[in-house]
Amino acid sequence: MSEIRILGIDPGLVNTGWGIISCAHTSAKLVDCGVIQTKSTNPMTERLAKIHRELGAILEKYEPKAAAIEDTFVNKNPASALKLGMARGVAFACPGLFNIPCFEYAPNQIKKSVVGAGHAAKEQIQHMVQVILGTHQPLNEHSADALAVAITHQHHISLEKMIHSI
C-alpha cells in the first residue's frame, strides 16, 4: 500500500474531534488533529453549519483518501441521541461531498484495535494513540478518539490486504 492519508472523526454536537494520519504499510504518523467546537447557546443550524464548513476545509487542505467515523453508541436520552445523530449525519456526509469513502467503526472495535481491550479508559486510548503514532504531542480526548478511529481504519485496510494476498 502506498502512503495514504486517513481522516478519523469523533462526532459530537459540542466537540467534533478530527485527526489525519499518514499511513504506509503497517506504520502510521500523525499529520494533524483538532476539535471543532460549537456553542450550545447557538441555533442548531449554525452549529451544524460550522461542523460542515470546518470539516470541509480539513478535507480540502489534507486531501485524505478515506475517512472513518465512530459509530453511535446507544444513548439513554432520546433528545441527546437525536442531536448527536444530526452532528454525526453532517460529519458523515462531508467526505461524501468530496467523493471520499467513509467507514464506520463501533466504539468497542476502536478500543480493541488501539488498546487491545474493548472497554479501555480514555487515558489508555490517548496514551496508545501517542505510542502508535510516535508522537509526544498532548492530545485531548476528542482528537485522540478521532485518531483512534483513523488507526482502526488503517488496521482494517492492512488486514484486508493480507487476506487478499493469501
Protein backbone atom coordinates (compact mmCIF):
# COMPACT_ATOMS: atom_id res chain seq x y z
CA MET A 1 0.00 0.00 0.00
CA SER A 2 1.47 3.38 -0.92
CA GLU A 3 1.25 6.25 1.53
CA ILE A 4 -2.31 7.46 2.07
CA ARG A 5 -4.00 9.88 4.41
CA ILE A 6 -6.98 8.89 6.52
CA LEU A 7 -9.34 11.27 8.32
CA GLY A 8 -10.75 10.00 11.59
CA ILE A 9 -13.87 11.67 13.02
CA ASP A 10 -15.25 11.52 16.57
CA PRO A 11 -18.66 13.15 16.04
CA GLY A 12 -20.26 15.40 18.62
CA LEU A 13 -22.51 18.42 18.63
CA VAL A 14 -20.37 20.38 21.12
CA ASN A 15 -16.99 18.80 20.26
CA THR A 16 -16.26 17.03 16.98
CA GLY A 17 -12.79 15.56 17.13
CA TRP A 18 -10.80 15.05 13.94
CA GLY A 19 -7.43 13.60 13.13
CA ILE A 20 -5.40 12.99 9.98
CA ILE A 21 -2.86 10.18 9.82
CA SER A 22 -0.50 9.26 7.02
CA CYS A 23 -0.10 5.51 6.50
CA ALA A 24 2.34 3.34 4.65
CA HIS A 25 2.08 -0.44 5.09
CA THR A 26 1.70 -1.00 8.83
CA SER A 27 3.16 2.30 10.04
CA ALA A 28 1.24 5.49 10.68
CA LYS A 29 2.22 9.01 11.64
CA LEU A 30 0.29 12.00 12.88
CA VAL A 31 -0.32 14.71 10.29
CA ASP A 32 -2.68 16.98 12.24
CA CYS A 33 -5.63 16.88 14.62
CA GLY A 34 -8.04 19.13 16.42
CA VAL A 35 -11.55 19.74 17.67
CA ILE A 36 -14.43 21.62 16.07
CA GLN A 37 -16.29 23.29 18.92
CA THR A 38 -19.77 24.76 18.82
CA LYS A 39 -21.61 26.76 21.44
CA SER A 40 -24.71 25.19 22.94
CA THR A 41 -26.32 28.64 23.01
CA ASN A 42 -26.13 28.99 19.20
CA PRO A 43 -29.00 27.83 16.98
CA MET A 44 -28.76 24.23 15.77
CA THR A 45 -28.43 25.33 12.13
CA GLU A 46 -25.35 27.44 12.96
CA ARG A 47 -23.76 24.61 14.92
CA LEU A 48 -24.27 22.04 12.17
CA ALA A 49 -23.11 24.50 9.50
CA LYS A 50 -19.90 25.15 11.47
CA ILE A 51 -19.14 21.41 11.66
CA HIS A 52 -19.79 21.15 7.90
CA ARG A 53 -17.63 24.16 6.99
CA GLU A 54 -14.68 23.18 9.17
CA LEU A 55 -14.67 19.51 8.12
CA GLY A 56 -14.88 20.65 4.50
CA ALA A 57 -11.84 22.89 5.00
CA ILE A 58 -9.93 19.98 6.59
CA LEU A 59 -10.83 17.71 3.65
CA GLU A 60 -9.68 20.35 1.15
CA LYS A 61 -6.42 21.03 2.99
CA TYR A 62 -5.28 17.45 3.65
CA GLU A 63 -6.94 15.54 0.79
CA PRO A 64 -7.40 12.22 2.59
CA LYS A 65 -8.19 9.13 0.51
CA ALA A 66 -10.55 7.69 3.15
CA ALA A 67 -12.48 8.79 6.21
CA ALA A 68 -13.67 6.82 9.21
CA ILE A 69 -16.20 7.78 11.83
CA GLU A 70 -17.11 6.39 15.22
CA ASP A 71 -20.49 4.67 15.17
CA THR A 72 -23.05 5.97 17.64
CA PHE A 73 -23.39 4.13 20.90
CA VAL A 74 -26.82 3.70 22.46
CA ASN A 75 -27.84 6.83 24.33
CA LYS A 76 -30.40 6.72 27.15
CA ASN A 77 -31.64 10.23 26.44
CA PRO A 78 -33.64 10.29 23.17
CA ALA A 79 -33.25 14.07 22.70
CA SER A 80 -29.47 13.85 23.09
CA ALA A 81 -29.34 10.88 20.72
CA LEU A 82 -31.24 12.81 18.05
CA LYS A 83 -28.96 15.84 18.38
CA LEU A 84 -25.85 13.65 18.20
CA GLY A 85 -27.38 11.97 15.16
CA MET A 86 -27.67 15.33 13.40
CA ALA A 87 -24.00 16.17 14.06
CA ARG A 88 -22.99 12.67 13.03
CA GLY A 89 -25.01 12.96 9.81
CA VAL A 90 -23.23 16.18 8.86
CA ALA A 91 -19.83 14.67 9.71
CA PHE A 92 -20.63 11.50 7.74
CA ALA A 93 -21.87 13.43 4.68
CA CYS A 94 -18.85 15.75 4.39
CA PRO A 95 -16.45 13.14 2.96
CA GLY A 96 -19.17 12.07 0.52
CA LEU A 97 -19.31 15.60 -0.85
CA PHE A 98 -15.61 15.19 -1.72
CA ASN A 99 -16.11 11.67 -3.16
CA ILE A 100 -14.15 10.21 -0.27
CA PRO A 101 -15.40 6.89 1.10
CA CYS A 102 -16.37 6.97 4.78
CA PHE A 103 -16.35 3.88 7.00
CA GLU A 104 -17.96 3.29 10.40
CA TYR A 105 -16.45 1.53 13.40
CA ALA A 106 -18.09 0.66 16.72
CA PRO A 107 -16.56 2.16 19.88
CA ASN A 108 -15.55 -1.27 21.25
CA GLN A 109 -13.93 -2.20 17.93
CA ILE A 110 -11.90 1.04 18.02
CA LYS A 111 -10.77 0.46 21.60
CA LYS A 112 -9.84 -3.14 20.85
CA SER A 113 -7.89 -2.08 17.76
CA VAL A 114 -5.89 0.61 19.57
CA VAL A 115 -5.60 -0.64 23.15
CA GLY A 116 -6.31 -4.35 22.80
CA ALA A 117 -9.37 -4.25 25.06
CA GLY A 118 -12.94 -3.28 24.16
CA HIS A 119 -13.55 -1.38 27.40
CA ALA A 120 -10.48 0.86 27.63
CA ALA A 121 -10.44 4.16 29.52
CA LYS A 122 -9.99 7.49 27.72
CA GLU A 123 -6.49 7.89 29.17
CA GLN A 124 -5.45 4.49 27.79
CA ILE A 125 -6.67 5.47 24.32
CA GLN A 126 -4.82 8.80 24.45
CA HIS A 127 -1.61 7.09 25.53
CA MET A 128 -1.77 4.29 22.95
CA VAL A 129 -2.57 6.73 20.11
CA GLN A 130 0.59 8.66 21.05
CA VAL A 131 2.62 5.43 21.12
CA ILE A 132 1.24 4.13 17.80
CA LEU A 133 1.78 7.45 16.04
CA GLY A 134 5.15 8.07 17.68
CA THR A 135 4.23 11.49 18.99
CA HIS A 136 4.60 13.24 22.33
CA GLN A 137 2.10 15.91 21.30
CA PRO A 138 -0.57 16.23 24.00
CA LEU A 139 -3.94 15.05 22.70
CA ASN A 140 -7.32 15.89 24.15
CA GLU A 141 -9.90 13.09 24.35
CA HIS A 142 -11.81 14.17 21.21
CA SER A 143 -8.83 14.36 18.86
CA ALA A 144 -7.34 11.19 20.41
CA ASP A 145 -10.63 9.37 19.76
CA ALA A 146 -10.68 10.63 16.16
CA LEU A 147 -7.10 9.47 15.63
CA ALA A 148 -8.03 6.09 17.14
CA VAL A 149 -10.81 5.80 14.53
CA ALA A 150 -8.32 6.54 11.75
CA ILE A 151 -5.87 3.97 13.17
CA THR A 152 -8.68 1.40 13.29
CA HIS A 153 -9.38 2.00 9.62
CA GLN A 154 -5.68 1.63 8.81
CA HIS A 155 -5.67 -1.73 10.62
CA HIS A 156 -8.78 -2.76 8.68
CA ILE A 157 -7.12 -1.86 5.35
CA SER A 158 -3.94 -3.76 6.32
CA LEU A 159 -5.96 -6.83 7.33
CA GLU A 160 -7.93 -6.77 4.06
CA LYS A 161 -4.65 -6.51 2.10
CA MET A 162 -3.25 -9.52 3.94
CA ILE A 163 -6.40 -11.59 3.34
CA HIS A 164 -6.41 -10.77 -0.39
CA SER A 165 -2.73 -11.70 -0.74
CA ILE A 166 -3.33 -15.25 0.58
